[in-house]
N, C-alpha and C. Protein backbone atom coordinates (compact mmCIF):
# COMPACT_ATOMS: atom_id res chain seq x y z
N UNK A 1 0.83 -1.19 0.01
CA UNK A 1 -0.01 0.02 -0.01
C UNK A 1 0.87 1.28 0.00
N UNK A 2 1.80 1.29 -0.90
CA UNK A 2 2.71 2.44 -1.00
C UNK A 2 1.96 3.73 -1.29
N UNK A 3 0.88 3.67 -2.05
CA UNK A 3 0.12 4.87 -2.38
C UNK A 3 -0.50 5.50 -1.11
N UNK A 4 -1.01 4.62 -0.25
CA UNK A 4 -1.63 5.10 0.98
C UNK A 4 -0.59 5.73 1.90
N UNK A 5 0.56 5.06 2.04
CA UNK A 5 1.63 5.62 2.87
C UNK A 5 2.11 6.96 2.35
N UNK A 6 2.25 7.07 1.03
CA UNK A 6 2.70 8.32 0.42
C UNK A 6 1.66 9.43 0.64
N UNK A 7 0.38 9.10 0.50
CA UNK A 7 -0.70 10.09 0.73
C UNK A 7 -0.69 10.59 2.16
N UNK A 8 -0.58 9.65 3.12
CA UNK A 8 -0.57 10.05 4.54
C UNK A 8 0.68 10.78 4.91
N UNK A 9 1.81 10.36 4.39
CA UNK A 9 3.09 11.03 4.71
C UNK A 9 3.09 12.47 4.17
N UNK A 10 2.53 12.65 2.99
CA UNK A 10 2.45 13.98 2.41
C UNK A 10 1.58 14.89 3.30
N UNK A 11 0.50 14.35 3.82
CA UNK A 11 -0.36 15.12 4.73
C UNK A 11 0.32 15.38 6.06
N UNK A 12 1.07 14.40 6.53
CA UNK A 12 1.80 14.62 7.78
C UNK A 12 2.78 15.78 7.65
N UNK A 13 3.30 15.98 6.45
CA UNK A 13 4.22 17.11 6.19
C UNK A 13 3.47 18.41 5.92
N UNK A 14 2.14 18.39 5.98
CA UNK A 14 1.35 19.63 5.86
C UNK A 14 0.81 19.91 4.47
N UNK A 15 0.95 18.99 3.53
CA UNK A 15 0.42 19.19 2.18
C UNK A 15 -0.90 18.44 2.07
N UNK A 16 -1.69 18.72 1.00
CA UNK A 16 -3.02 18.10 0.89
C UNK A 16 -3.01 16.68 0.35
N UNK A 17 -2.03 16.29 -0.44
CA UNK A 17 -1.95 14.92 -0.94
C UNK A 17 -2.95 14.59 -2.04
N UNK A 18 -3.58 15.56 -2.62
CA UNK A 18 -4.61 15.29 -3.63
C UNK A 18 -4.05 14.67 -4.90
N UNK A 19 -2.77 14.78 -5.15
CA UNK A 19 -2.17 14.16 -6.33
C UNK A 19 -2.20 12.64 -6.28
N UNK A 20 -2.47 12.07 -5.11
CA UNK A 20 -2.53 10.62 -4.94
C UNK A 20 -3.91 10.06 -5.23
N UNK A 21 -4.88 10.90 -5.57
CA UNK A 21 -6.24 10.47 -5.80
C UNK A 21 -6.52 10.21 -7.28
N UNK A 22 -7.46 9.30 -7.55
CA UNK A 22 -7.94 9.09 -8.91
C UNK A 22 -8.45 10.42 -9.45
N UNK A 23 -8.12 10.76 -10.69
CA UNK A 23 -8.55 12.07 -11.21
C UNK A 23 -10.06 12.20 -11.34
N UNK A 24 -10.77 11.09 -11.48
CA UNK A 24 -12.24 11.17 -11.63
C UNK A 24 -12.96 10.70 -10.35
N UNK A 25 -12.26 10.70 -9.22
CA UNK A 25 -12.93 10.34 -7.97
C UNK A 25 -14.03 11.34 -7.67
N UNK A 26 -15.13 10.86 -7.17
CA UNK A 26 -16.30 11.70 -6.91
C UNK A 26 -15.96 12.82 -5.92
N UNK A 27 -15.29 12.46 -4.85
CA UNK A 27 -14.80 13.41 -3.87
C UNK A 27 -13.42 12.97 -3.45
N UNK A 28 -12.51 13.89 -3.36
CA UNK A 28 -11.22 13.57 -2.76
C UNK A 28 -11.16 14.29 -1.45
N UNK A 29 -10.27 13.89 -0.60
CA UNK A 29 -10.22 14.51 0.74
C UNK A 29 -8.80 14.60 1.23
N UNK A 30 -8.63 15.47 2.16
CA UNK A 30 -7.41 15.56 2.94
C UNK A 30 -7.79 15.49 4.39
N UNK A 31 -6.97 14.86 5.18
CA UNK A 31 -7.22 14.79 6.61
C UNK A 31 -6.52 16.00 7.26
N UNK A 32 -6.99 16.43 8.39
CA UNK A 32 -6.48 17.63 9.02
C UNK A 32 -5.44 17.31 10.08
N UNK A 33 -4.27 17.88 9.97
CA UNK A 33 -3.21 17.81 10.98
C UNK A 33 -2.83 16.36 11.33
N UNK A 34 -2.46 15.57 10.35
CA UNK A 34 -2.00 14.19 10.59
C UNK A 34 -0.67 14.25 11.33
N UNK A 35 -0.59 13.58 12.47
CA UNK A 35 0.69 13.54 13.20
C UNK A 35 1.39 12.20 13.01
N UNK A 36 0.63 11.12 12.91
CA UNK A 36 1.20 9.79 12.60
C UNK A 36 0.08 8.89 12.15
N UNK A 37 0.49 7.69 11.68
CA UNK A 37 -0.48 6.73 11.15
C UNK A 37 0.14 5.34 11.17
N UNK A 38 -0.70 4.33 11.06
CA UNK A 38 -0.21 2.97 10.94
C UNK A 38 -1.21 2.15 10.15
N UNK A 39 -0.69 1.30 9.29
CA UNK A 39 -1.54 0.36 8.54
C UNK A 39 -1.92 -0.75 9.51
N UNK A 40 -3.23 -0.92 9.73
CA UNK A 40 -3.70 -1.89 10.70
C UNK A 40 -3.97 -3.24 10.04
N UNK A 41 -4.54 -3.21 8.83
CA UNK A 41 -4.94 -4.44 8.16
C UNK A 41 -5.09 -4.21 6.67
N UNK A 42 -4.90 -5.23 5.89
CA UNK A 42 -5.22 -5.23 4.47
C UNK A 42 -6.12 -6.41 4.18
N UNK A 43 -7.41 -6.32 4.57
CA UNK A 43 -8.29 -7.47 4.50
C UNK A 43 -8.53 -7.99 3.08
N UNK A 44 -8.75 -7.10 2.16
CA UNK A 44 -8.97 -7.48 0.76
C UNK A 44 -8.32 -6.45 -0.12
N UNK A 45 -7.05 -6.62 -0.46
CA UNK A 45 -6.42 -5.64 -1.34
C UNK A 45 -7.28 -5.46 -2.58
N UNK A 46 -7.49 -4.27 -3.05
CA UNK A 46 -6.73 -3.05 -2.76
C UNK A 46 -7.29 -2.21 -1.62
N UNK A 47 -7.99 -2.80 -0.66
CA UNK A 47 -8.52 -2.05 0.46
C UNK A 47 -7.59 -2.25 1.66
N UNK A 48 -7.37 -1.18 2.43
CA UNK A 48 -6.59 -1.33 3.65
C UNK A 48 -7.22 -0.48 4.76
N UNK A 49 -6.97 -0.86 5.99
CA UNK A 49 -7.46 -0.17 7.16
C UNK A 49 -6.25 0.55 7.78
N UNK A 50 -6.43 1.86 8.04
CA UNK A 50 -5.32 2.66 8.59
C UNK A 50 -5.82 3.38 9.84
N UNK A 51 -5.00 3.39 10.87
CA UNK A 51 -5.28 4.19 12.07
C UNK A 51 -4.51 5.48 11.91
N UNK A 52 -5.25 6.61 11.98
CA UNK A 52 -4.64 7.91 11.79
C UNK A 52 -4.77 8.72 13.09
N UNK A 53 -3.63 9.25 13.53
CA UNK A 53 -3.59 10.15 14.67
C UNK A 53 -3.52 11.56 14.13
N UNK A 54 -4.48 12.36 14.45
CA UNK A 54 -4.52 13.72 13.94
C UNK A 54 -5.22 14.60 14.95
N UNK A 55 -5.65 15.77 14.50
CA UNK A 55 -6.41 16.64 15.39
C UNK A 55 -7.47 17.37 14.58
N UNK A 56 -8.47 17.87 15.29
CA UNK A 56 -9.51 18.64 14.66
C UNK A 56 -8.99 20.05 14.36
N UNK A 57 -9.76 20.81 13.65
CA UNK A 57 -9.37 22.21 13.37
C UNK A 57 -9.24 23.03 14.67
N UNK A 58 -9.94 22.58 15.73
CA UNK A 58 -9.89 23.24 17.02
C UNK A 58 -8.72 22.76 17.86
N UNK A 59 -7.92 21.81 17.34
CA UNK A 59 -6.74 21.34 18.04
C UNK A 59 -6.97 20.15 18.96
N UNK A 60 -8.19 19.57 18.95
CA UNK A 60 -8.46 18.41 19.76
C UNK A 60 -7.84 17.15 19.12
N UNK A 61 -7.02 16.40 19.84
CA UNK A 61 -6.44 15.20 19.27
C UNK A 61 -7.51 14.12 19.02
N UNK A 62 -7.41 13.46 17.89
CA UNK A 62 -8.33 12.37 17.58
C UNK A 62 -7.54 11.19 16.97
N UNK A 63 -8.10 10.00 17.15
CA UNK A 63 -7.56 8.79 16.52
C UNK A 63 -8.75 8.14 15.84
N UNK A 64 -8.60 7.86 14.56
CA UNK A 64 -9.71 7.29 13.81
C UNK A 64 -9.22 6.24 12.82
N UNK A 65 -10.04 5.22 12.61
CA UNK A 65 -9.75 4.20 11.60
C UNK A 65 -10.37 4.61 10.28
N UNK A 66 -9.63 4.45 9.21
CA UNK A 66 -10.12 4.72 7.87
C UNK A 66 -9.93 3.49 6.99
N UNK A 67 -10.92 3.24 6.16
CA UNK A 67 -10.80 2.21 5.13
C UNK A 67 -10.48 2.93 3.82
N UNK A 68 -9.38 2.55 3.19
CA UNK A 68 -8.91 3.25 1.98
C UNK A 68 -8.84 2.26 0.84
N UNK A 69 -9.42 2.67 -0.31
CA UNK A 69 -9.44 1.84 -1.52
C UNK A 69 -8.47 2.44 -2.53
N UNK A 70 -7.61 1.59 -3.11
CA UNK A 70 -6.69 2.02 -4.16
C UNK A 70 -7.06 1.32 -5.45
N UNK A 71 -7.06 2.07 -6.55
CA UNK A 71 -7.41 1.54 -7.87
C UNK A 71 -6.41 2.08 -8.87
N UNK A 72 -5.73 1.22 -9.59
CA UNK A 72 -4.71 1.62 -10.59
C UNK A 72 -3.68 2.58 -10.03
N UNK A 73 -3.21 2.31 -8.81
CA UNK A 73 -2.13 3.12 -8.21
C UNK A 73 -2.54 4.46 -7.66
N UNK A 74 -3.84 4.72 -7.58
CA UNK A 74 -4.34 6.00 -7.02
C UNK A 74 -5.46 5.71 -6.04
N UNK A 75 -5.62 6.58 -5.05
CA UNK A 75 -6.69 6.41 -4.07
C UNK A 75 -8.02 6.69 -4.71
N UNK A 76 -8.95 5.76 -4.54
CA UNK A 76 -10.28 5.89 -5.12
C UNK A 76 -11.33 6.27 -4.09
N UNK A 77 -11.06 6.00 -2.81
CA UNK A 77 -12.02 6.34 -1.78
C UNK A 77 -11.50 6.14 -0.39
N UNK A 78 -12.07 6.92 0.54
CA UNK A 78 -11.73 6.84 1.95
C UNK A 78 -13.03 6.87 2.75
N UNK A 79 -13.17 5.94 3.66
CA UNK A 79 -14.33 5.92 4.54
C UNK A 79 -13.87 5.95 5.98
N UNK A 80 -14.31 6.94 6.73
CA UNK A 80 -14.03 7.01 8.16
C UNK A 80 -14.95 6.09 8.88
N UNK A 81 -14.44 5.14 9.62
CA UNK A 81 -15.31 4.17 10.28
C UNK A 81 -16.14 4.80 11.38
N UNK A 82 -17.42 4.49 11.38
CA UNK A 82 -18.35 5.02 12.35
C UNK A 82 -18.82 6.41 12.04
N UNK A 83 -18.58 6.87 10.83
CA UNK A 83 -18.97 8.23 10.46
C UNK A 83 -19.49 8.22 9.04
N UNK A 84 -20.79 8.04 8.87
CA UNK A 84 -21.39 7.87 7.55
C UNK A 84 -21.12 9.06 6.63
N UNK A 85 -20.99 10.25 7.17
CA UNK A 85 -20.77 11.41 6.31
C UNK A 85 -19.31 11.52 5.87
N UNK A 86 -18.47 10.62 6.30
CA UNK A 86 -17.07 10.63 5.90
C UNK A 86 -16.81 9.75 4.66
N UNK A 87 -17.87 9.20 4.07
CA UNK A 87 -17.69 8.38 2.90
C UNK A 87 -17.26 9.26 1.73
N UNK A 88 -16.12 8.95 1.17
CA UNK A 88 -15.59 9.76 0.09
C UNK A 88 -15.06 8.86 -1.02
N UNK A 89 -15.98 8.14 -1.66
CA UNK A 89 -15.55 7.24 -2.74
C UNK A 89 -16.57 7.28 -3.87
N UNK A 90 -16.08 7.16 -5.07
CA UNK A 90 -16.99 7.06 -6.19
C UNK A 90 -17.43 5.61 -6.29
N UNK A 91 -18.73 5.35 -6.42
CA UNK A 91 -19.25 3.97 -6.40
C UNK A 91 -18.56 3.01 -7.36
N UNK A 92 -18.07 3.48 -8.48
CA UNK A 92 -17.46 2.56 -9.46
C UNK A 92 -16.19 1.88 -8.88
N UNK A 93 -15.61 2.43 -7.83
CA UNK A 93 -14.41 1.84 -7.22
C UNK A 93 -14.72 0.96 -6.06
N UNK A 94 -15.98 0.91 -5.63
CA UNK A 94 -16.31 0.14 -4.42
C UNK A 94 -16.59 -1.32 -4.76
């Protein structure tokens, strides 16, 4: 999951990482203030589960699991677990 690591590392350095997304993805996203991350599982490649340590815009630290889908070397979707409004994937990649 080199694409996922590159996307998260770019955000950890303060950039948006949007170049790692499929160009026709329905919605792309950036996470706010990523401080660290770890790949937790790769249940069915090209999907992986990542634990991301970050903070809210108000500075509150948060830890959240994300399911990330990669298609043709680019991120096609990200779903924040337990948060239905965090679904950011185009259905053709699911």
